[in-house]
Protein backbone atom coordinates (compact mmCIF):
# COMPACT_ATOMS: atom_id res chain seq x y z
CA UNK A 1 129.86 99.68 113.33
CA UNK A 2 126.88 101.78 114.38
CA UNK A 3 127.73 105.64 113.59
CA UNK A 4 128.80 107.77 115.82
CA UNK A 5 128.77 111.51 116.28
CA UNK A 6 132.23 112.29 116.98
CA UNK A 7 132.24 115.61 114.31
CA UNK A 8 130.28 118.59 113.53
CA UNK A 9 129.03 118.70 110.43
CA UNK A 10 128.00 116.05 107.91
CA UNK A 11 126.59 114.99 104.86
CA UNK A 12 124.38 111.93 104.04
CA UNK A 13 124.21 110.85 100.39
CA UNK A 14 121.14 108.89 99.11
CA UNK A 15 121.71 106.18 96.59
CA UNK A 16 119.36 105.67 93.89
CA UNK A 17 119.03 104.57 90.13
CA UNK A 18 116.14 105.27 87.30
CA UNK A 19 114.44 102.37 88.77
CA UNK A 20 114.23 104.02 92.04
CA UNK A 21 114.17 107.78 91.42
CA UNK A 22 110.39 108.04 91.85
CA UNK A 23 110.94 106.82 95.33
CA UNK A 24 114.08 109.07 96.39
CA UNK A 25 112.48 111.96 94.89
CA UNK A 26 110.07 111.52 97.63
CA UNK A 27 112.09 110.65 100.24
CA UNK A 28 114.45 113.47 99.22
CA UNK A 29 110.84 116.04 99.59
CA UNK A 30 109.98 114.23 102.90
CA UNK A 31 114.07 115.17 104.52
CA UNK A 32 112.97 118.35 103.43
CA UNK A 33 109.35 119.13 104.65
CA UNK A 34 109.59 117.11 107.74
CA UNK A 35 112.97 117.34 109.03
CA UNK A 36 113.58 120.84 108.20
CA UNK A 37 117.03 119.28 106.34
CA UNK A 38 118.99 121.45 103.48
CA UNK A 39 118.92 118.64 100.58
CA UNK A 40 121.17 118.64 97.71
CA UNK A 41 120.54 118.89 93.97
CA UNK A 42 119.07 115.18 92.61
CA UNK A 43 121.52 113.77 90.62
CA UNK A 44 120.77 111.64 87.79
CA UNK A 45 123.93 111.67 86.78
CA UNK A 46 127.54 110.69 88.42
CA UNK A 47 128.94 113.79 90.72
CA UNK A 48 132.08 113.58 92.31
CA UNK A 49 133.16 110.25 94.13
CA UNK A 50 129.79 108.59 94.14
CA UNK A 51 129.31 106.01 91.49
CA UNK A 52 125.52 105.54 91.57
CA UNK A 53 122.81 108.66 90.73
CA UNK A 54 122.56 110.42 94.67
CA UNK A 55 121.19 113.66 96.86
CA UNK A 56 122.99 115.48 99.68
CA UNK A 57 121.60 115.79 102.61
CA UNK A 58 123.51 118.42 105.06
CA UNK A 59 123.17 118.15 109.15
CA UNK A 60 125.19 118.88 112.05
CA UNK A 61 125.55 116.83 115.16
CA UNK A 62 122.86 117.64 116.93
CA UNK A 63 120.92 116.61 114.45
CA UNK A 64 122.69 113.49 113.84
CA UNK A 65 120.56 110.71 115.96
CA UNK A 66 117.26 111.86 114.11
CA UNK A 67 118.63 111.80 110.97
CA UNK A 68 119.90 108.70 110.99
CA UNK A 69 117.11 106.61 112.61
CA UNK A 70 114.40 109.06 110.18
CA UNK A 71 116.73 107.54 107.17
CA UNK A 72 116.99 104.25 108.75
CA UNK A 73 113.15 103.60 109.14
CA UNK A 74 112.50 105.17 105.40
CA UNK A 75 115.19 104.11 103.21
CA UNK A 76 113.45 100.89 102.08
CA UNK A 77 117.00 99.13 100.96
CA UNK A 78 118.76 102.28 99.94
CA UNK A 79 122.28 102.43 100.81
CA UNK A 80 123.04 106.17 102.51
CA UNK A 81 126.45 107.27 103.30
CA UNK A 82 126.98 109.09 106.01
CA UNK A 83 130.19 111.14 106.32
CA UNK A 84 131.89 113.68 107.87
CA UNK A 85 132.51 117.28 106.86
CA UNK A 86 136.35 118.26 108.82
CA UNK A 87 137.73 119.73 105.29
CA UNK A 88 139.64 117.09 104.56
CA UNK A 89 138.20 115.25 101.69
CA UNK A 90 140.06 112.66 101.42
CA UNK A 91 139.60 111.45 104.97
CA UNK A 92 136.27 112.28 105.20
CA UNK A 93 135.24 109.54 102.56
CA UNK A 94 137.79 106.81 103.67
CA UNK A 95 137.62 107.20 107.23
CA UNK A 96 134.64 109.40 108.60
CA UNK A 97 132.40 107.26 106.80
CA UNK A 98 129.03 104.96 107.55
CA UNK A 99 126.77 103.05 105.77
CA UNK A 100 123.23 102.78 106.16
CA UNK A 101 122.77 99.50 103.88
CA UNK A 102 125.14 98.15 101.16
CA UNK A 103 128.21 100.06 100.72
CA UNK A 104 129.01 101.55 97.16
CA UNK A 105 131.94 102.11 95.44
CA UNK A 106 133.67 105.51 95.89
CA UNK A 107 135.68 106.52 93.08
CA UNK A 108 138.24 108.72 95.63
CA UNK A 109 140.31 109.57 92.19
CA UNK A 110 139.87 113.08 92.59
CA UNK A 111 141.21 113.66 96.28
CA UNK A 112 144.82 113.21 97.62
CA UNK A 113 145.06 112.18 100.72
CA UNK A 114 146.65 114.88 103.31
C-alpha cells in the first residue's frame, strides 16, 4: 500500500548496518543539506524499538510527498520506516506505519497499547 498523508507530523527511520554506514551517513547529510530537514543522531547501536542501526528524520504533512519521493529515489535498497507522530507510540509504530523497502522487525515491548 502506498503511504497516505493522514497526519500532521511524522518520523522516518533509515536503517543501515556496518557495511552500509558510509552510504547512510552521506544520505543523512544530503537530507539535512538538500531538503533542510531535521535529522537525528546517527545511531550505530540499537535505540528504542529499532532492531537495526538507524537515524531519524522529522517532517510534517507539507513535506511528506517530497521526502518520500526523494527517499524512494535515493535509499539504494535500504529499508525506511515511515510513521505518524500522534503521541501514542504503540499505534504510531503498529497502525500508522508505512515501509519503503523490506519491513524491519520492531521491538515493541517498551510500548503499551493505549
